[in-house]
Structures are given as C-alpha cells and as structure tokens.
Amino acid sequence: MPVENSSSEILAPVLLKFNAEMRNKKVGLYKRSSLLAIRNGLARHISSMDIIKDPPFKNTNQRFLSMVKKTSKEGKWAIQHNVQITEDDVRSCTHQ
C-alpha cells in the first residue's frame, strides 16, 4: 500500500522506527540540517496528513527531536564551509 494512502495509525509506528534508525552511509548520525530536510521532504510527500503536528505522530516527533538534540550534542549541527577558490586556481583551470 502506498505511504500516502496509509492511515496515521499505521504510519506513525513506521515513522517512529524510521526516525530511530536513520543513519548515513558511514553508519553515523546525519547532521541536523539533513534530518530536518528528510522530515520536511516526507511531510511534503505525505500531504494527506500532517506528520509534524497531528496528535497520532506525537511520539514520532518526540523521537525525531531527540535525534536532533543528539546530533547537536555530537557537534553535527554546524555548517562546514569549503576553502574559497583563489583567482589563480580559477585561471589555472580555465587556461589549460
């Protein structure tokens, strides 16, 4: 059965387990921004119900928020910026 056609009673435990087991390819926790992007993407996809605010999803959202707090405590909330490319590097790439 497609997810968007499921009832909240069926979907809530599935999302609860999904939130608890979300890991990246290195079997580590996702960064805070990634967790939020995944949840917001699911919320957009499942437009027949509000998986963020509806009462059947209260436990699911508590688990999600605990995952976000855990990643913040592990320092995975910060954005990592790359080193800026210098003009010399740009010239060397375009003049080869």
Foldseek 3Di string as FASTA:
>chain_A
DDPLPDDLLVVQVVLQVCLVCDADPVRHAAALVVLVVVVVVVQVVNVVDRCQPDPSNPSSNVSNVVSNVVNVVVVRHDDDDDDDDDPVNVVVVVVD
